[in-house]
Amino acid sequence: MDSTYSMEERFQLRIDKEEKIEARDWMPDAYRKTLIRQVSQHAHSEIVGMLPESNWITRAPSIKRKLALLAKVQDEGGHGLYLYSATETLGINRDELIEQLHTGKAKYSSIFNYPTLSWADIGAIGWLVDGAAIMNQVALCRTSYGPYARAMVRICKEESFHQRQGYDILLTMCKGSEAQKEMVQDAVNRWWWPSLMMFGPNDDASPNSAQSLKWKIKRLSNDELRQRFVDATVPQAEILGISLPDPLLKYNEKRGQYDFGPIDWDEFFQVVAGNGPCNKERLAARVKAHEEGAWVREASVAYAEKQKNRLLSDVAVA
């Protein structure tokens, strides 16, 4: 490549040509820091996201539902593992990432700071929350950083199962008693707006989006993703026979998309700042689980060290 180009210019040319950036490649410090923030936040969200659903495993209405929910929560733990591993390729230690989460320095998706009040909430999370996640994550399969993109391919396949599982729960309930359908409507009323907030602030209020789009860390803007989600979800709500809690929601013939009402961003920023319904509860649960699981990590390290020493001993004898 022409030596007159700076390192930053060469890097951007690679991005523009859709080349994947790998862990050992040169990258701007700002690119690395942006990825660490985004990928670790994604990892934290997967781990914290296990909490709102896990307390319903024993209360699910059938063995089939228990097994499916258990599998889903297990998947989320696996997603966190993939993403922490991808973040570590950027030169940061996992212990440091966990410390950032536990001290509140690192953020996770605001959606997981809301309570799950009924079994219908589990369906609503699968349909709306995982649906919103998929809308964002499918685009991330083409993100410019190779380890992140490859992790997202596996994650998206499993998230698609999670969304179908959630929708099936709601569809079954909507075909049941009037009380069950009312339970679904209540859950959707509570989860709709937080799901729209998952995509982040409007583009004009999202200072990092422009650079992330230029680096192709993100492939679509917050507002583009949110619009796609609304357009895909409204017809699904019609099949369920429920309404979405937005009196301004209406199909725009001229645009070929749905118009929807303003989002309460004050609520969003309050939750992000730690003042949501379950912020303190979620963080306390994660810290408690980490501390009580210390013996497992220590035992794993001790076992690995024992196996290593045994291997070295065998080699020496041979």
Protein backbone atom coordinates (compact mmCIF):
# COMPACT_ATOMS: atom_id res chain seq x y z
CA MET A 1 0.00 0.00 0.00
CA ASP A 2 1.19 3.54 -0.76
CA SER A 3 3.53 4.66 2.05
CA THR A 4 2.09 8.18 1.85
CA TYR A 5 -0.97 6.92 3.72
CA SER A 6 -0.91 7.18 7.51
CA MET A 7 -1.64 4.13 9.65
CA GLU A 8 -5.14 5.46 10.36
CA GLU A 9 -5.80 5.98 6.64
CA ARG A 10 -4.60 2.49 5.79
CA PHE A 11 -6.81 1.10 8.50
CA GLN A 12 -9.88 2.94 7.17
CA LEU A 13 -9.14 1.73 3.64
CA ARG A 14 -9.24 -1.84 4.93
CA ILE A 15 -12.55 -1.13 6.61
CA ASP A 16 -13.94 0.42 3.43
CA LYS A 17 -12.94 -2.71 1.48
CA GLU A 18 -14.90 -4.85 3.97
CA GLU A 19 -11.77 -6.58 5.27
CA LYS A 20 -12.08 -8.10 8.73
CA ILE A 21 -9.81 -6.69 11.42
CA GLU A 22 -8.21 -9.44 13.51
CA ALA A 23 -6.77 -9.37 17.02
CA ARG A 24 -3.12 -9.06 15.95
CA ASP A 25 -3.76 -6.39 13.33
CA TRP A 26 -2.88 -2.77 13.96
CA MET A 27 -5.89 -0.70 14.98
CA PRO A 28 -6.40 2.84 16.33
CA ASP A 29 -6.61 3.06 20.11
CA ALA A 30 -10.06 4.61 19.81
CA TYR A 31 -11.26 1.66 17.71
CA ARG A 32 -9.96 -0.76 20.32
CA LYS A 33 -11.56 1.18 23.19
CA THR A 34 -14.88 1.43 21.36
CA LEU A 35 -14.91 -2.32 20.78
CA ILE A 36 -13.99 -3.10 24.38
CA ARG A 37 -16.86 -0.91 25.58
CA GLN A 38 -19.41 -2.32 23.13
CA VAL A 39 -18.48 -6.01 23.25
CA SER A 40 -18.05 -6.11 27.02
CA GLN A 41 -21.37 -4.30 27.49
CA HIS A 42 -22.93 -6.95 25.26
CA ALA A 43 -21.30 -9.71 27.35
CA HIS A 44 -22.49 -8.15 30.61
CA SER A 45 -26.01 -7.91 29.17
CA GLU A 46 -26.09 -11.60 28.35
CA ILE A 47 -25.00 -12.55 31.88
CA VAL A 48 -27.30 -10.13 33.71
CA GLY A 49 -30.05 -11.06 31.26
CA MET A 50 -30.15 -14.56 32.78
CA LEU A 51 -31.57 -13.14 36.02
CA PRO A 52 -35.08 -11.90 35.05
CA GLU A 53 -35.94 -15.31 33.60
CA SER A 54 -34.09 -17.76 35.85
CA ASN A 55 -36.49 -17.27 38.76
CA TRP A 56 -39.33 -18.57 36.52
CA ILE A 57 -37.66 -21.91 35.71
CA THR A 58 -39.21 -23.66 38.72
CA ARG A 59 -42.55 -21.88 38.18
CA ALA A 60 -42.98 -22.58 34.47
CA PRO A 61 -46.39 -24.18 33.76
CA SER A 62 -45.11 -27.51 32.35
CA ILE A 63 -42.04 -29.72 32.08
CA LYS A 64 -41.73 -28.71 28.43
CA ARG A 65 -41.67 -25.01 29.33
CA LYS A 66 -39.22 -25.62 32.19
CA LEU A 67 -36.78 -27.43 29.91
CA ALA A 68 -37.05 -24.80 27.18
CA LEU A 69 -36.49 -21.94 29.61
CA LEU A 70 -33.61 -23.74 31.27
CA ALA A 71 -32.00 -24.24 27.86
CA LYS A 72 -32.49 -20.57 27.05
CA VAL A 73 -30.90 -19.33 30.29
CA GLN A 74 -28.00 -21.71 29.66
CA ASP A 75 -27.62 -20.30 26.15
CA GLU A 76 -27.37 -16.78 27.56
CA GLY A 77 -24.50 -17.87 29.79
CA GLY A 78 -22.78 -19.30 26.74
CA HIS A 79 -23.27 -16.06 24.84
CA GLY A 80 -21.57 -14.19 27.66
CA LEU A 81 -18.64 -16.61 27.43
CA TYR A 82 -18.24 -16.09 23.67
CA LEU A 83 -18.36 -12.32 24.07
CA TYR A 84 -15.99 -12.12 27.04
CA SER A 85 -13.57 -14.24 25.02
CA ALA A 86 -13.91 -11.89 22.05
CA THR A 87 -13.29 -8.90 24.32
CA GLU A 88 -10.15 -10.50 25.73
CA THR A 89 -8.66 -10.64 22.23
CA LEU A 90 -8.50 -6.84 22.46
CA GLY A 91 -6.00 -7.02 25.31
CA ILE A 92 -8.16 -6.69 28.41
CA ASN A 93 -8.35 -9.25 31.23
CA ARG A 94 -11.69 -10.88 32.04
CA ASP A 95 -11.25 -10.20 35.77
CA GLU A 96 -11.02 -6.52 34.92
CA LEU A 97 -14.22 -6.73 32.86
CA ILE A 98 -16.08 -8.39 35.73
CA GLU A 99 -14.74 -5.82 38.17
CA GLN A 100 -16.04 -3.03 35.93
CA LEU A 101 -19.50 -4.63 35.93
CA HIS A 102 -19.62 -5.19 39.68
CA THR A 103 -18.48 -1.67 40.54
CA GLY A 104 -20.96 -0.06 38.15
CA LYS A 105 -18.26 1.34 35.88
CA ALA A 106 -19.46 -0.80 32.97
CA LYS A 107 -23.05 -0.77 31.75
CA TYR A 108 -25.39 -3.48 30.51
CA SER A 109 -28.66 -3.25 28.61
CA SER A 110 -31.21 -1.18 30.52
CA ILE A 111 -33.97 -3.67 29.62
CA PHE A 112 -32.81 -6.14 32.28
CA ASN A 113 -33.58 -3.74 35.10
CA TYR A 114 -37.31 -4.37 34.83
CA PRO A 115 -39.12 -7.07 36.85
CA THR A 116 -40.77 -10.22 35.50
CA LEU A 117 -44.16 -10.22 37.22
CA SER A 118 -45.91 -13.11 35.48
CA TRP A 119 -45.30 -16.06 33.16
CA ALA A 120 -46.43 -13.85 30.27
CA ASP A 121 -43.38 -11.66 30.93
CA ILE A 122 -41.16 -14.58 29.92
CA GLY A 123 -42.99 -14.75 26.60
CA ALA A 124 -42.78 -10.97 26.16
CA ILE A 125 -39.04 -11.02 26.80
CA GLY A 126 -38.56 -13.74 24.22
CA TRP A 127 -40.72 -12.01 21.62
CA LEU A 128 -39.84 -8.35 22.17
CA VAL A 129 -36.50 -8.22 23.98
CA ASP A 130 -34.86 -11.05 22.06
CA GLY A 131 -36.56 -9.79 18.90
CA ALA A 132 -34.96 -6.39 19.37
CA ALA A 133 -31.63 -8.05 20.15
CA ILE A 134 -31.78 -10.11 16.95
CA MET A 135 -32.54 -7.02 14.88
CA ASN A 136 -29.31 -5.51 16.16
CA GLN A 137 -27.22 -8.66 16.25
CA VAL A 138 -27.89 -9.88 12.72
CA ALA A 139 -26.25 -6.67 11.51
CA LEU A 140 -23.34 -7.32 13.89
CA CYS A 141 -22.55 -10.56 12.06
CA ARG A 142 -20.99 -8.19 9.50
CA THR A 143 -19.17 -6.02 12.04
CA SER A 144 -15.61 -5.14 11.08
CA TYR A 145 -13.90 -6.92 13.99
CA GLY A 146 -13.49 -10.59 13.12
CA PRO A 147 -13.75 -12.25 16.57
CA TYR A 148 -16.92 -10.28 17.37
CA ALA A 149 -18.52 -11.05 14.00
CA ARG A 150 -17.85 -14.78 14.31
CA ALA A 151 -19.26 -14.89 17.85
CA MET A 152 -22.41 -13.18 16.62
CA VAL A 153 -23.12 -15.85 13.98
CA ARG A 154 -23.53 -18.52 16.67
CA ILE A 155 -25.40 -16.18 19.02
CA CYS A 156 -27.93 -15.12 16.38
CA LYS A 157 -28.88 -18.72 15.63
CA GLU A 158 -29.68 -19.32 19.28
CA GLU A 159 -31.43 -15.97 19.76
CA SER A 160 -33.77 -16.86 16.90
CA PHE A 161 -34.82 -19.93 18.88
CA HIS A 162 -35.37 -17.74 21.95
CA GLN A 163 -37.64 -15.38 20.05
CA ARG A 164 -39.73 -18.23 18.65
CA GLN A 165 -39.97 -19.74 22.12
CA GLY A 166 -41.26 -16.45 23.55
CA TYR A 167 -43.77 -15.92 20.75
CA ASP A 168 -45.05 -19.48 21.18
CA ILE A 169 -45.65 -18.84 24.87
CA LEU A 170 -47.71 -15.73 24.08
CA LEU A 171 -49.58 -17.38 21.21
CA THR A 172 -50.55 -20.31 23.43
CA MET A 173 -51.76 -17.95 26.17
CA CYS A 174 -53.72 -15.81 23.70
CA LYS A 175 -55.58 -18.95 22.60
CA GLY A 176 -56.41 -19.74 26.22
CA SER A 177 -58.70 -18.05 28.71
CA GLU A 178 -59.59 -14.37 28.76
CA ALA A 179 -57.50 -14.02 31.92
CA GLN A 180 -54.47 -15.43 30.11
CA LYS A 181 -54.91 -13.03 27.19
CA GLU A 182 -55.20 -10.13 29.65
CA MET A 183 -51.96 -11.30 31.24
CA VAL A 184 -50.27 -11.17 27.82
CA GLN A 185 -51.62 -7.69 27.14
CA ASP A 186 -50.36 -6.46 30.51
CA ALA A 187 -46.88 -7.89 29.89
CA VAL A 188 -46.67 -6.38 26.40
CA ASN A 189 -47.83 -3.01 27.74
CA ARG A 190 -44.91 -3.02 30.19
CA TRP A 191 -42.19 -4.35 27.86
CA TRP A 192 -42.96 -2.51 24.61
CA TRP A 193 -41.36 0.85 25.33
CA PRO A 194 -38.28 -0.52 27.14
CA SER A 195 -37.75 -2.78 24.11
CA LEU A 196 -37.69 0.25 21.81
CA MET A 197 -35.18 1.89 24.15
CA MET A 198 -32.81 -1.08 23.70
CA PHE A 199 -31.53 0.35 20.42
CA GLY A 200 -30.15 3.36 22.24
CA PRO A 201 -30.82 7.10 21.95
CA ASN A 202 -31.99 8.72 18.73
CA ASP A 203 -29.19 9.21 16.24
CA ASP A 204 -28.90 12.94 16.89
CA ALA A 205 -28.34 12.22 20.60
CA SER A 206 -25.91 9.31 20.16
CA PRO A 207 -22.39 10.82 20.01
CA ASN A 208 -20.54 7.55 19.32
CA SER A 209 -22.73 6.25 16.51
CA ALA A 210 -21.21 8.19 13.61
CA GLN A 211 -17.67 6.95 14.24
CA SER A 212 -18.86 3.39 14.92
CA LEU A 213 -20.70 3.42 11.60
CA LYS A 214 -17.60 4.75 9.80
CA TRP A 215 -15.50 1.96 11.30
CA LYS A 216 -18.34 -0.49 10.50
CA ILE A 217 -18.43 -1.68 14.09
CA LYS A 218 -22.11 -0.86 13.74
CA ARG A 219 -23.74 -1.41 10.37
CA LEU A 220 -27.03 0.42 10.95
CA SER A 221 -27.92 3.40 13.09
CA ASN A 222 -30.05 3.24 16.25
CA ASP A 223 -33.07 4.79 14.53
CA GLU A 224 -32.81 2.50 11.49
CA LEU A 225 -32.75 -0.58 13.69
CA ARG A 226 -35.63 0.66 15.82
CA GLN A 227 -37.76 1.32 12.74
CA ARG A 228 -37.06 -2.14 11.35
CA PHE A 229 -38.06 -3.68 14.67
CA VAL A 230 -41.37 -1.81 14.81
CA ASP A 231 -42.19 -2.70 11.19
CA ALA A 232 -41.51 -6.39 11.85
CA THR A 233 -43.32 -6.55 15.19
CA VAL A 234 -46.66 -4.86 14.48
CA PRO A 235 -47.93 -7.64 12.16
CA GLN A 236 -46.92 -10.22 14.76
CA ALA A 237 -48.97 -8.40 17.40
CA GLU A 238 -51.97 -8.52 15.06
CA ILE A 239 -51.64 -12.31 14.81
CA LEU A 240 -51.60 -12.52 18.61
CA GLY A 241 -54.71 -10.38 18.70
CA ILE A 242 -53.26 -7.83 21.12
CA SER A 243 -52.63 -4.11 20.86
CA LEU A 244 -49.34 -2.31 21.27
CA PRO A 245 -49.42 0.50 23.87
CA ASP A 246 -48.91 3.40 21.49
CA PRO A 247 -51.92 5.47 20.40
CA LEU A 248 -49.79 7.13 17.71
CA LEU A 249 -48.75 3.85 16.08
CA LYS A 250 -50.02 3.96 12.50
CA TYR A 251 -48.95 2.68 9.10
CA ASN A 252 -47.59 5.44 6.88
CA GLU A 253 -48.55 4.66 3.28
CA LYS A 254 -46.14 7.21 1.87
CA ARG A 255 -43.09 5.86 3.73
CA GLY A 256 -44.20 2.24 3.68
CA GLN A 257 -43.34 2.03 7.39
CA TYR A 258 -45.04 2.50 10.74
CA ASP A 259 -45.01 5.83 12.51
CA PHE A 260 -44.79 5.55 16.29
CA GLY A 261 -44.95 7.87 19.27
CA PRO A 262 -42.12 9.58 21.18
CA ILE A 263 -40.01 7.52 23.57
CA ASP A 264 -39.60 8.62 27.19
CA TRP A 265 -35.85 9.07 27.18
CA ASP A 266 -35.91 10.46 30.73
CA GLU A 267 -36.93 6.98 31.89
CA PHE A 268 -34.17 5.40 29.80
CA PHE A 269 -31.43 7.61 31.24
CA GLN A 270 -32.75 7.13 34.77
CA VAL A 271 -32.48 3.37 34.38
CA VAL A 272 -29.01 3.62 32.79
CA ALA A 273 -27.93 5.79 35.72
CA GLY A 274 -28.88 3.01 38.12
CA ASN A 275 -32.33 4.17 39.17
CA GLY A 276 -34.47 1.54 37.48
CA PRO A 277 -36.86 -0.83 39.29
CA CYS A 278 -34.30 -3.64 39.63
CA ASN A 279 -30.82 -2.10 39.12
CA LYS A 280 -29.60 -2.70 42.67
CA GLU A 281 -31.19 -6.15 42.82
CA ARG A 282 -29.59 -7.28 39.55
CA LEU A 283 -26.11 -6.06 40.46
CA ALA A 284 -26.30 -7.54 43.97
CA ALA A 285 -27.32 -10.91 42.50
CA ARG A 286 -24.38 -10.89 40.09
CA VAL A 287 -21.86 -9.97 42.81
CA LYS A 288 -23.27 -12.65 45.13
CA ALA A 289 -23.10 -15.32 42.41
CA HIS A 290 -19.52 -14.35 41.56
CA GLU A 291 -18.38 -14.49 45.18
CA GLU A 292 -20.14 -17.77 45.93
CA GLY A 293 -18.72 -19.30 42.76
CA ALA A 294 -15.11 -18.47 43.66
CA TRP A 295 -14.45 -22.04 44.83
CA VAL A 296 -15.42 -23.39 41.40
CA ARG A 297 -12.94 -21.11 39.65
CA GLU A 298 -10.22 -21.96 42.16
CA ALA A 299 -10.88 -25.68 41.78
CA SER A 300 -10.74 -25.38 37.99
CA VAL A 301 -7.38 -23.61 38.13
CA ALA A 302 -6.02 -26.20 40.58
CA TYR A 303 -7.20 -29.06 38.35
CA ALA A 304 -5.66 -27.46 35.25
CA GLU A 305 -2.37 -27.00 37.09
CA LYS A 306 -2.45 -30.63 38.26
CA GLN A 307 -3.03 -31.87 34.70
CA LYS A 308 -0.21 -29.66 33.41
CA ASN A 309 2.23 -31.00 36.01
CA ARG A 310 1.19 -34.57 35.25
CA LEU A 311 1.80 -34.01 31.53
CA LEU A 312 5.23 -32.48 32.19
CA SER A 313 6.09 -35.43 34.43
CA ASP A 314 5.11 -37.92 31.74
CA VAL A 315 7.19 -36.07 29.17
CA ALA A 316 10.20 -36.07 31.49
CA VAL A 317 9.93 -39.82 32.09
CA ALA A 318 9.61 -40.50 28.38
